[in-house]
Amino acid sequence: MAKSWYILHVYSGYENKIEKTIRMMIDTAELSREIVTDIKVPTEEVSDVKDGKKKTITRKILPGYILIEMDLPDNGWKATCSGIRKITGVTGFVGSNLSNKPQPIPNEEVRRILQRSGELKGDRQIRMKQTYSQGEQVKIIEGPFESFSGVIEEVNAEKNKLKVMVGIFGRSTPVEVEMTQVEKI
């Protein structure tokens, strides 16, 4: 059997506590290191602008869920899974019940989640908590066009950039700014 990633459903807010409990169970040999190989609570950095100040916080990507990498054998998987299910705050594996073996999630989905959290190499971006849409009025709060106001013409969420139409010398001029450089009016 090959290693696969599984999703464990837990009480929201208990993710880190349950991760520590599973790691402790591995250290005390209640769970086999050969079966449970890794545990992750994926997080991402989220940036928000309030009162003209940029604040970055860490937020869970999947609140109420933990990723577990396991090499579940065809025989004996029930002992491992029931040991994990008995932990206070665990509701079960996603996609299974007590009598069925949990189903792994696709590798592409795991890669996307781990890349978003910065666990894998790639462009880890700081996401914006604030969402912007075309036609909204914004004020530029930093950079060369500080204190200018304008209307959003284009939103590029992947690059966290906006194209804002600003009035300069009596003409409407497009200015490209980062989402962290503006705030809604």
N, C-alpha and C. Protein backbone atom coordinates (compact mmCIF):
# COMPACT_ATOMS: atom_id res chain seq x y z
N MET A 1 0.86 -1.20 0.00
CA MET A 1 0.00 0.00 0.00
C MET A 1 0.89 1.24 0.00
N ALA A 2 0.48 2.26 -0.69
CA ALA A 2 1.25 3.50 -0.78
C ALA A 2 0.67 4.55 0.16
N LYS A 3 1.52 5.49 0.53
CA LYS A 3 1.06 6.59 1.38
C LYS A 3 0.04 7.44 0.63
N SER A 4 -0.99 7.85 1.36
CA SER A 4 -2.01 8.73 0.80
C SER A 4 -2.43 9.72 1.87
N TRP A 5 -3.02 10.82 1.43
CA TRP A 5 -3.52 11.83 2.36
C TRP A 5 -5.01 11.62 2.58
N TYR A 6 -5.41 11.73 3.84
CA TYR A 6 -6.80 11.59 4.24
C TYR A 6 -7.21 12.86 4.98
N ILE A 7 -8.51 13.16 4.97
CA ILE A 7 -9.00 14.33 5.69
C ILE A 7 -9.77 13.86 6.91
N LEU A 8 -9.39 14.39 8.06
CA LEU A 8 -10.03 14.08 9.33
C LEU A 8 -10.91 15.25 9.72
N HIS A 9 -12.19 14.99 9.98
CA HIS A 9 -13.12 16.04 10.40
C HIS A 9 -13.06 16.16 11.92
N VAL A 10 -12.85 17.38 12.41
CA VAL A 10 -12.73 17.63 13.85
C VAL A 10 -13.59 18.83 14.23
N TYR A 11 -13.76 19.02 15.53
CA TYR A 11 -14.46 20.22 15.99
C TYR A 11 -13.65 21.44 15.60
N SER A 12 -14.33 22.46 15.11
CA SER A 12 -13.65 23.68 14.72
C SER A 12 -13.00 24.33 15.93
N GLY A 13 -11.75 24.72 15.80
CA GLY A 13 -11.01 25.32 16.91
C GLY A 13 -10.16 24.30 17.66
N TYR A 14 -10.36 23.00 17.40
CA TYR A 14 -9.60 21.94 18.08
C TYR A 14 -8.49 21.36 17.19
N GLU A 15 -8.29 21.93 16.01
CA GLU A 15 -7.36 21.35 15.04
C GLU A 15 -5.95 21.17 15.60
N ASN A 16 -5.39 22.22 16.20
CA ASN A 16 -4.02 22.15 16.71
C ASN A 16 -3.92 21.20 17.90
N LYS A 17 -4.92 21.19 18.75
CA LYS A 17 -4.92 20.31 19.92
C LYS A 17 -4.96 18.84 19.48
N ILE A 18 -5.78 18.53 18.49
CA ILE A 18 -5.88 17.16 18.00
C ILE A 18 -4.61 16.75 17.27
N GLU A 19 -4.00 17.68 16.53
CA GLU A 19 -2.72 17.39 15.87
C GLU A 19 -1.68 17.01 16.91
N LYS A 20 -1.59 17.76 18.00
CA LYS A 20 -0.63 17.44 19.07
C LYS A 20 -0.94 16.10 19.70
N THR A 21 -2.23 15.79 19.89
CA THR A 21 -2.62 14.51 20.48
C THR A 21 -2.20 13.35 19.59
N ILE A 22 -2.40 13.47 18.28
CA ILE A 22 -2.00 12.40 17.35
C ILE A 22 -0.49 12.25 17.35
N ARG A 23 0.24 13.36 17.36
CA ARG A 23 1.72 13.28 17.41
C ARG A 23 2.18 12.60 18.70
N MET A 24 1.50 12.89 19.81
CA MET A 24 1.84 12.27 21.09
C MET A 24 1.55 10.77 21.03
N MET A 25 0.44 10.38 20.40
CA MET A 25 0.11 8.96 20.26
C MET A 25 1.16 8.23 19.41
N ILE A 26 1.72 8.90 18.43
CA ILE A 26 2.78 8.30 17.62
C ILE A 26 4.04 8.15 18.46
N ASP A 27 4.39 9.18 19.26
CA ASP A 27 5.58 9.12 20.11
C ASP A 27 5.48 8.03 21.18
N THR A 28 4.27 7.80 21.71
CA THR A 28 4.09 6.77 22.75
C THR A 28 3.74 5.42 22.15
N ALA A 29 3.81 5.27 20.82
CA ALA A 29 3.58 4.02 20.09
C ALA A 29 2.14 3.53 20.15
N GLU A 30 1.19 4.41 20.49
CA GLU A 30 -0.23 4.03 20.40
C GLU A 30 -0.64 3.95 18.93
N LEU A 31 0.00 4.78 18.10
CA LEU A 31 -0.17 4.72 16.65
C LEU A 31 1.18 4.41 16.03
N SER A 32 1.18 3.62 14.98
CA SER A 32 2.42 3.22 14.34
C SER A 32 2.97 4.34 13.45
N ARG A 33 4.28 4.57 13.55
CA ARG A 33 4.96 5.56 12.70
C ARG A 33 4.95 5.13 11.24
N GLU A 34 4.87 3.82 11.00
CA GLU A 34 4.84 3.32 9.63
C GLU A 34 3.48 3.56 8.98
N ILE A 35 2.42 3.66 9.79
CA ILE A 35 1.08 3.88 9.23
C ILE A 35 0.79 5.37 9.14
N VAL A 36 0.87 6.09 10.26
CA VAL A 36 0.62 7.54 10.27
C VAL A 36 1.97 8.23 10.10
N THR A 37 2.19 8.82 8.92
CA THR A 37 3.51 9.39 8.63
C THR A 37 3.58 10.91 8.76
N ASP A 38 2.44 11.61 8.62
CA ASP A 38 2.49 13.07 8.73
C ASP A 38 1.09 13.61 9.05
N ILE A 39 1.06 14.76 9.75
CA ILE A 39 -0.19 15.43 10.11
C ILE A 39 0.01 16.90 9.82
N LYS A 40 -0.99 17.53 9.20
CA LYS A 40 -0.89 18.97 8.91
C LYS A 40 -2.22 19.67 9.16
N VAL A 41 -2.11 20.86 9.75
CA VAL A 41 -3.24 21.79 9.85
C VAL A 41 -2.85 22.95 8.94
N PRO A 42 -3.30 22.92 7.66
CA PRO A 42 -2.85 23.93 6.70
C PRO A 42 -3.34 25.34 7.05
N THR A 43 -2.40 26.30 7.02
CA THR A 43 -2.72 27.69 7.30
C THR A 43 -2.19 28.56 6.18
N GLU A 44 -2.73 29.78 6.09
CA GLU A 44 -2.26 30.75 5.10
C GLU A 44 -2.21 32.13 5.75
N GLU A 45 -1.44 33.00 5.14
CA GLU A 45 -1.35 34.38 5.61
C GLU A 45 -2.40 35.21 4.88
N VAL A 46 -3.15 35.98 5.65
CA VAL A 46 -4.19 36.84 5.07
C VAL A 46 -3.89 38.27 5.48
N SER A 47 -3.91 39.17 4.51
CA SER A 47 -3.62 40.57 4.76
C SER A 47 -4.90 41.38 4.70
N ASP A 48 -5.02 42.34 5.60
CA ASP A 48 -6.20 43.19 5.67
C ASP A 48 -5.75 44.61 5.94
N VAL A 49 -6.45 45.57 5.36
CA VAL A 49 -6.15 46.98 5.60
C VAL A 49 -7.31 47.57 6.39
N LYS A 50 -7.00 48.07 7.58
CA LYS A 50 -8.01 48.73 8.42
C LYS A 50 -7.44 50.04 8.90
N ASP A 51 -8.22 51.08 8.76
CA ASP A 51 -7.81 52.42 9.19
C ASP A 51 -6.45 52.80 8.61
N GLY A 52 -6.18 52.38 7.39
CA GLY A 52 -4.93 52.74 6.72
C GLY A 52 -3.74 51.92 7.15
N LYS A 53 -3.92 50.92 8.02
CA LYS A 53 -2.80 50.09 8.48
C LYS A 53 -2.97 48.68 7.96
N LYS A 54 -1.87 48.14 7.43
CA LYS A 54 -1.89 46.78 6.90
C LYS A 54 -1.59 45.81 8.03
N LYS A 55 -2.43 44.78 8.14
CA LYS A 55 -2.26 43.78 9.18
C LYS A 55 -2.29 42.41 8.52
N THR A 56 -1.33 41.55 8.88
CA THR A 56 -1.27 40.21 8.33
C THR A 56 -1.54 39.22 9.46
N ILE A 57 -2.49 38.30 9.21
CA ILE A 57 -2.81 37.29 10.21
C ILE A 57 -2.69 35.90 9.58
N THR A 58 -2.53 34.89 10.42
CA THR A 58 -2.49 33.51 9.95
C THR A 58 -3.86 32.90 10.18
N ARG A 59 -4.40 32.28 9.13
CA ARG A 59 -5.74 31.72 9.18
C ARG A 59 -5.71 30.29 8.66
N LYS A 60 -6.53 29.43 9.24
CA LYS A 60 -6.62 28.04 8.79
C LYS A 60 -7.31 28.00 7.43
N ILE A 61 -6.74 27.24 6.51
CA ILE A 61 -7.33 27.09 5.18
C ILE A 61 -8.60 26.25 5.26
N LEU A 62 -8.55 25.17 6.04
CA LEU A 62 -9.68 24.26 6.18
C LEU A 62 -10.11 24.18 7.65
N PRO A 63 -10.84 25.18 8.16
CA PRO A 63 -11.24 25.11 9.57
C PRO A 63 -12.12 23.89 9.81
N GLY A 64 -11.79 23.13 10.84
CA GLY A 64 -12.55 21.93 11.17
C GLY A 64 -12.01 20.67 10.50
N TYR A 65 -10.87 20.78 9.82
CA TYR A 65 -10.29 19.62 9.13
C TYR A 65 -8.78 19.56 9.33
N ILE A 66 -8.26 18.34 9.35
CA ILE A 66 -6.83 18.09 9.47
C ILE A 66 -6.45 17.14 8.34
N LEU A 67 -5.28 17.35 7.74
CA LEU A 67 -4.75 16.42 6.73
C LEU A 67 -3.85 15.40 7.43
N ILE A 68 -4.07 14.12 7.15
CA ILE A 68 -3.23 13.07 7.73
C ILE A 68 -2.71 12.20 6.59
N GLU A 69 -1.38 12.03 6.56
CA GLU A 69 -0.78 11.14 5.58
C GLU A 69 -0.61 9.78 6.24
N MET A 70 -1.22 8.77 5.63
CA MET A 70 -1.16 7.42 6.20
C MET A 70 -0.88 6.40 5.12
N ASP A 71 -0.30 5.30 5.55
CA ASP A 71 -0.10 4.14 4.71
C ASP A 71 -0.98 3.04 5.31
N LEU A 72 -2.30 3.13 5.02
CA LEU A 72 -3.26 2.21 5.63
C LEU A 72 -3.18 0.83 4.98
N PRO A 73 -2.92 -0.22 5.78
CA PRO A 73 -2.92 -1.56 5.21
C PRO A 73 -4.35 -2.04 4.96
N ASP A 74 -4.51 -3.00 4.06
CA ASP A 74 -5.84 -3.54 3.78
C ASP A 74 -6.38 -4.30 4.99
N ASN A 75 -5.50 -4.95 5.72
CA ASN A 75 -5.89 -5.64 6.95
C ASN A 75 -5.35 -4.86 8.14
N GLY A 76 -6.18 -4.58 9.11
CA GLY A 76 -5.73 -3.88 10.31
C GLY A 76 -5.93 -2.38 10.26
N TRP A 77 -6.56 -1.85 9.23
CA TRP A 77 -6.79 -0.41 9.15
C TRP A 77 -7.80 0.06 10.20
N LYS A 78 -8.71 -0.85 10.61
CA LYS A 78 -9.76 -0.47 11.56
C LYS A 78 -9.18 -0.05 12.90
N ALA A 79 -8.13 -0.73 13.36
CA ALA A 79 -7.52 -0.41 14.66
C ALA A 79 -6.94 1.00 14.64
N THR A 80 -6.25 1.35 13.58
CA THR A 80 -5.66 2.68 13.46
C THR A 80 -6.75 3.75 13.40
N CYS A 81 -7.73 3.54 12.54
CA CYS A 81 -8.79 4.55 12.35
C CYS A 81 -9.64 4.70 13.60
N SER A 82 -9.95 3.60 14.28
CA SER A 82 -10.77 3.72 15.50
C SER A 82 -9.97 4.39 16.61
N GLY A 83 -8.66 4.17 16.66
CA GLY A 83 -7.81 4.86 17.65
C GLY A 83 -7.82 6.36 17.44
N ILE A 84 -7.82 6.79 16.18
CA ILE A 84 -7.86 8.22 15.87
C ILE A 84 -9.26 8.78 16.14
N ARG A 85 -10.31 8.00 15.79
CA ARG A 85 -11.69 8.47 15.99
C ARG A 85 -12.03 8.64 17.47
N LYS A 86 -11.34 7.92 18.36
CA LYS A 86 -11.64 8.00 19.80
C LYS A 86 -11.12 9.27 20.45
N ILE A 87 -10.29 10.01 19.76
CA ILE A 87 -9.75 11.26 20.31
C ILE A 87 -10.89 12.26 20.48
N THR A 88 -10.94 12.91 21.63
CA THR A 88 -11.98 13.90 21.88
C THR A 88 -11.89 15.03 20.88
N GLY A 89 -12.99 15.33 20.22
CA GLY A 89 -13.04 16.39 19.22
C GLY A 89 -13.00 15.89 17.80
N VAL A 90 -12.73 14.60 17.60
CA VAL A 90 -12.69 14.03 16.25
C VAL A 90 -14.07 13.47 15.93
N THR A 91 -14.61 13.85 14.76
CA THR A 91 -15.91 13.31 14.36
C THR A 91 -15.77 12.18 13.35
N GLY A 92 -14.65 12.07 12.66
CA GLY A 92 -14.42 10.97 11.74
C GLY A 92 -13.66 11.38 10.50
N PHE A 93 -13.45 10.41 9.64
CA PHE A 93 -12.77 10.67 8.38
C PHE A 93 -13.79 11.08 7.33
N VAL A 94 -13.41 12.02 6.48
CA VAL A 94 -14.30 12.47 5.41
C VAL A 94 -14.39 11.35 4.37
N GLY A 95 -15.61 11.02 4.00
CA GLY A 95 -15.83 10.02 2.96
C GLY A 95 -15.87 8.59 3.46
N SER A 96 -16.10 8.37 4.76
CA SER A 96 -16.19 7.00 5.26
C SER A 96 -17.06 6.96 6.51
N ASN A 97 -17.41 5.75 6.90
CA ASN A 97 -18.09 5.55 8.17
C ASN A 97 -17.30 4.51 8.97
N LEU A 98 -17.85 4.03 10.05
CA LEU A 98 -17.10 3.12 10.92
C LEU A 98 -16.74 1.80 10.24
N SER A 99 -17.56 1.33 9.31
CA SER A 99 -17.31 0.02 8.70
C SER A 99 -16.54 0.09 7.38
N ASN A 100 -16.37 1.28 6.82
CA ASN A 100 -15.65 1.42 5.55
C ASN A 100 -14.29 2.06 5.77
N LYS A 101 -13.34 1.62 4.96
CA LYS A 101 -12.00 2.20 4.98
C LYS A 101 -12.07 3.63 4.43
N PRO A 102 -11.41 4.60 5.08
CA PRO A 102 -11.43 5.98 4.57
C PRO A 102 -10.87 6.07 3.16
N GLN A 103 -11.39 7.01 2.39
CA GLN A 103 -10.94 7.22 1.02
C GLN A 103 -9.93 8.36 0.99
N PRO A 104 -8.78 8.15 0.34
CA PRO A 104 -7.80 9.24 0.24
C PRO A 104 -8.29 10.33 -0.70
N ILE A 105 -7.75 11.54 -0.50
CA ILE A 105 -8.09 12.62 -1.42
C ILE A 105 -7.09 12.62 -2.57
N PRO A 106 -7.47 13.14 -3.73
CA PRO A 106 -6.57 13.13 -4.89
C PRO A 106 -5.27 13.92 -4.61
N ASN A 107 -4.18 13.42 -5.19
CA ASN A 107 -2.87 14.06 -5.00
C ASN A 107 -2.86 15.51 -5.48
N GLU A 108 -3.61 15.81 -6.53
CA GLU A 108 -3.67 17.17 -7.06
C GLU A 108 -4.26 18.12 -6.03
N GLU A 109 -5.30 17.65 -5.33
CA GLU A 109 -5.94 18.46 -4.28
C GLU A 109 -4.97 18.70 -3.12
N VAL A 110 -4.23 17.67 -2.73
CA VAL A 110 -3.24 17.81 -1.65
C VAL A 110 -2.16 18.80 -2.06
N ARG A 111 -1.68 18.67 -3.29
CA ARG A 111 -0.63 19.57 -3.77
C ARG A 111 -1.11 21.02 -3.75
N ARG A 112 -2.36 21.24 -4.17
CA ARG A 112 -2.91 22.60 -4.18
C ARG A 112 -3.02 23.17 -2.76
N ILE A 113 -3.48 22.36 -1.82
CA ILE A 113 -3.63 22.83 -0.43
C ILE A 113 -2.25 23.12 0.18
N LEU A 114 -1.30 22.21 0.00
CA LEU A 114 0.03 22.39 0.58
C LEU A 114 0.79 23.54 -0.08
N GLN A 115 0.56 23.76 -1.36
CA GLN A 115 1.20 24.90 -2.03
C GLN A 115 0.61 26.21 -1.52
N ARG A 116 -0.69 26.22 -1.31
CA ARG A 116 -1.36 27.43 -0.79
C ARG A 116 -0.88 27.77 0.62
N SER A 117 -0.57 26.72 1.40
CA SER A 117 -0.11 26.96 2.77
C SER A 117 1.39 27.22 2.84
N GLY A 118 2.11 27.05 1.73
CA GLY A 118 3.54 27.31 1.72
C GLY A 118 4.37 26.09 2.08
N GLU A 119 3.74 24.93 2.27
CA GLU A 119 4.46 23.70 2.60
C GLU A 119 5.27 23.19 1.40
N LEU A 120 4.75 23.42 0.19
CA LEU A 120 5.44 23.02 -1.02
C LEU A 120 6.03 24.25 -1.70
N LYS A 121 7.08 24.03 -2.47
CA LYS A 121 7.68 25.13 -3.21
C LYS A 121 6.68 25.68 -4.22
N GLY A 122 6.75 26.94 -4.45
CA GLY A 122 5.82 27.59 -5.38
C GLY A 122 5.58 28.99 -4.88
N ASP A 123 4.72 29.69 -5.55
CA ASP A 123 4.42 31.06 -5.17
C ASP A 123 3.40 31.06 -4.03
N ARG A 124 3.88 31.28 -2.82
CA ARG A 124 2.97 31.43 -1.70
C ARG A 124 2.59 32.88 -1.65
N GLN A 125 1.33 33.12 -1.81
CA GLN A 125 0.86 34.49 -1.84
C GLN A 125 0.13 34.81 -0.56
N ILE A 126 0.26 36.06 -0.15
CA ILE A 126 -0.54 36.53 0.97
C ILE A 126 -1.87 36.96 0.39
N ARG A 127 -2.91 36.29 0.82
CA ARG A 127 -4.24 36.58 0.31
C ARG A 127 -4.81 37.81 1.01
N MET A 128 -5.70 38.49 0.30
CA MET A 128 -6.37 39.66 0.87
C MET A 128 -7.70 39.23 1.47
N LYS A 129 -7.95 39.70 2.69
CA LYS A 129 -9.22 39.43 3.33
C LYS A 129 -10.32 40.24 2.65
N GLN A 130 -9.98 41.46 2.28
CA GLN A 130 -10.91 42.36 1.60
C GLN A 130 -11.05 41.94 0.15
N THR A 131 -12.26 41.91 -0.35
CA THR A 131 -12.46 41.61 -1.77
C THR A 131 -12.90 42.87 -2.49
N TYR A 132 -12.41 43.01 -3.69
CA TYR A 132 -12.73 44.18 -4.50
C TYR A 132 -13.42 43.73 -5.78
N SER A 133 -14.26 44.60 -6.33
CA SER A 133 -14.90 44.28 -7.60
C SER A 133 -14.87 45.51 -8.51
N GLN A 134 -15.06 45.25 -9.77
CA GLN A 134 -15.01 46.30 -10.79
C GLN A 134 -16.11 47.33 -10.52
N GLY A 135 -15.75 48.61 -10.63
CA GLY A 135 -16.72 49.68 -10.45
C GLY A 135 -16.75 50.27 -9.04
N GLU A 136 -16.02 49.67 -8.09
CA GLU A 136 -16.01 50.19 -6.72
C GLU A 136 -15.09 51.40 -6.60
N GLN A 137 -15.45 52.30 -5.69
CA GLN A 137 -14.63 53.48 -5.40
C GLN A 137 -13.59 53.10 -4.34
N VAL A 138 -12.33 53.45 -4.58
CA VAL A 138 -11.26 53.18 -3.62
C VAL A 138 -10.37 54.42 -3.47
N LYS A 139 -9.66 54.45 -2.35
CA LYS A 139 -8.69 55.50 -2.10
C LYS A 139 -7.33 54.83 -1.97
N ILE A 140 -6.34 55.37 -2.67
CA ILE A 140 -4.98 54.83 -2.60
C ILE A 140 -4.34 55.37 -1.33
N ILE A 141 -3.84 54.45 -0.46
CA ILE A 141 -3.32 54.87 0.85
C ILE A 141 -1.80 54.81 0.95
N GLU A 142 -1.13 54.26 -0.07
CA GLU A 142 0.34 54.30 -0.06
C GLU A 142 0.88 54.19 -1.46
N GLY A 143 2.12 54.61 -1.63
CA GLY A 143 2.73 54.59 -2.94
C GLY A 143 2.76 55.98 -3.56
N PRO A 144 3.19 56.08 -4.80
CA PRO A 144 3.32 57.38 -5.45
C PRO A 144 1.99 58.11 -5.68
N PHE A 145 0.89 57.38 -5.69
CA PHE A 145 -0.42 58.00 -5.92
C PHE A 145 -1.24 58.08 -4.62
N GLU A 146 -0.53 58.14 -3.50
CA GLU A 146 -1.18 58.21 -2.19
C GLU A 146 -2.15 59.40 -2.15
N SER A 147 -3.30 59.20 -1.55
CA SER A 147 -4.38 60.18 -1.35
C SER A 147 -5.24 60.39 -2.60
N PHE A 148 -4.92 59.75 -3.72
CA PHE A 148 -5.77 59.81 -4.90
C PHE A 148 -6.93 58.83 -4.73
N SER A 149 -8.08 59.18 -5.29
CA SER A 149 -9.23 58.29 -5.28
C SER A 149 -9.58 57.94 -6.71
N GLY A 150 -10.21 56.77 -6.88
CA GLY A 150 -10.59 56.37 -8.22
C GLY A 150 -11.56 55.21 -8.22
N VAL A 151 -11.85 54.74 -9.42
CA VAL A 151 -12.78 53.63 -9.62
C VAL A 151 -12.00 52.43 -10.14
N ILE A 152 -12.28 51.24 -9.58
CA ILE A 152 -11.60 50.02 -10.02
C ILE A 152 -12.09 49.65 -11.41
N GLU A 153 -11.13 49.49 -12.34
CA GLU A 153 -11.48 49.10 -13.70
C GLU A 153 -11.23 47.61 -13.91
N GLU A 154 -10.22 47.06 -13.22
CA GLU A 154 -9.87 45.66 -13.43
C GLU A 154 -9.33 45.07 -12.12
N VAL A 155 -9.70 43.82 -11.83
CA VAL A 155 -9.24 43.12 -10.62
C VAL A 155 -8.47 41.88 -11.04
N ASN A 156 -7.23 41.74 -10.56
CA ASN A 156 -6.43 40.54 -10.79
C ASN A 156 -6.17 39.91 -9.42
N ALA A 157 -7.07 39.01 -8.99
CA ALA A 157 -7.00 38.41 -7.66
C ALA A 157 -5.78 37.50 -7.51
N GLU A 158 -5.35 36.85 -8.59
CA GLU A 158 -4.21 35.94 -8.50
C GLU A 158 -2.93 36.68 -8.15
N LYS A 159 -2.78 37.89 -8.68
CA LYS A 159 -1.57 38.68 -8.41
C LYS A 159 -1.80 39.74 -7.34
N ASN A 160 -3.01 39.80 -6.76
CA ASN A 160 -3.36 40.81 -5.75
C ASN A 160 -3.16 42.22 -6.28
N LYS A 161 -3.55 42.46 -7.52
CA LYS A 161 -3.38 43.78 -8.13
C LYS A 161 -4.72 44.31 -8.63
N LEU A 162 -4.80 45.65 -8.68
CA LEU A 162 -5.98 46.33 -9.19
C LEU A 162 -5.55 47.37 -10.21
N LYS A 163 -6.40 47.60 -11.21
CA LYS A 163 -6.20 48.72 -12.13
C LYS A 163 -7.26 49.75 -11.75
N VAL A 164 -6.81 50.91 -11.28
CA VAL A 164 -7.70 51.96 -10.79
C VAL A 164 -7.61 53.15 -11.73
N MET A 165 -8.76 53.69 -12.12
CA MET A 165 -8.80 54.89 -12.96
C MET A 165 -8.79 56.11 -12.03
N VAL A 166 -7.68 56.87 -12.10
CA VAL A 166 -7.46 58.02 -11.22
C VAL A 166 -7.44 59.29 -12.07
N GLY A 167 -8.00 60.36 -11.53
CA GLY A 167 -7.99 61.64 -12.22
C GLY A 167 -6.69 62.38 -11.97
N ILE A 168 -5.84 62.49 -13.01
CA ILE A 168 -4.57 63.21 -12.90
C ILE A 168 -4.56 64.30 -13.97
N PHE A 169 -4.33 65.55 -13.57
CA PHE A 169 -4.31 66.70 -14.48
C PHE A 169 -5.58 66.78 -15.31
N GLY A 170 -6.70 66.47 -14.71
CA GLY A 170 -7.98 66.58 -15.39
C GLY A 170 -8.32 65.44 -16.33
N ARG A 171 -7.46 64.41 -16.35
CA ARG A 171 -7.71 63.27 -17.23
C ARG A 171 -7.77 61.99 -16.40
N SER A 172 -8.57 61.06 -16.87
CA SER A 172 -8.68 59.76 -16.22
C SER A 172 -7.52 58.88 -16.69
N THR A 173 -6.70 58.45 -15.73
CA THR A 173 -5.49 57.69 -16.05
C THR A 173 -5.51 56.35 -15.31
N PRO A 174 -5.21 55.22 -15.99
CA PRO A 174 -5.17 53.93 -15.30
C PRO A 174 -3.88 53.79 -14.49
N VAL A 175 -4.03 53.35 -13.25
CA VAL A 175 -2.88 53.14 -12.36
C VAL A 175 -3.00 51.72 -11.80
N GLU A 176 -1.89 50.95 -11.88
CA GLU A 176 -1.91 49.60 -11.33
C GLU A 176 -1.32 49.65 -9.92
N VAL A 177 -2.09 49.17 -8.95
CA VAL A 177 -1.66 49.16 -7.56
C VAL A 177 -1.92 47.79 -6.95
N GLU A 178 -1.23 47.51 -5.86
CA GLU A 178 -1.49 46.27 -5.12
C GLU A 178 -2.72 46.47 -4.25
N MET A 179 -3.39 45.37 -3.93
CA MET A 179 -4.59 45.46 -3.11
C MET A 179 -4.30 46.00 -1.72
N THR A 180 -3.07 45.85 -1.26
CA THR A 180 -2.72 46.35 0.06
C THR A 180 -2.53 47.88 0.07
N GLN A 181 -2.47 48.47 -1.12
CA GLN A 181 -2.23 49.91 -1.22
C GLN A 181 -3.53 50.73 -1.29
N VAL A 182 -4.69 50.05 -1.24
CA VAL A 182 -5.96 50.78 -1.36
C VAL A 182 -6.90 50.39 -0.23
N GLU A 183 -7.91 51.25 -0.03
CA GLU A 183 -8.99 50.90 0.88
C GLU A 183 -10.30 51.41 0.26
N LYS A 184 -11.38 50.73 0.59
CA LYS A 184 -12.68 51.11 0.03
C LYS A 184 -13.13 52.43 0.64
N ILE A 185 -13.85 53.20 -0.17
CA ILE A 185 -14.39 54.47 0.33
C ILE A 185 -15.79 54.22 0.82
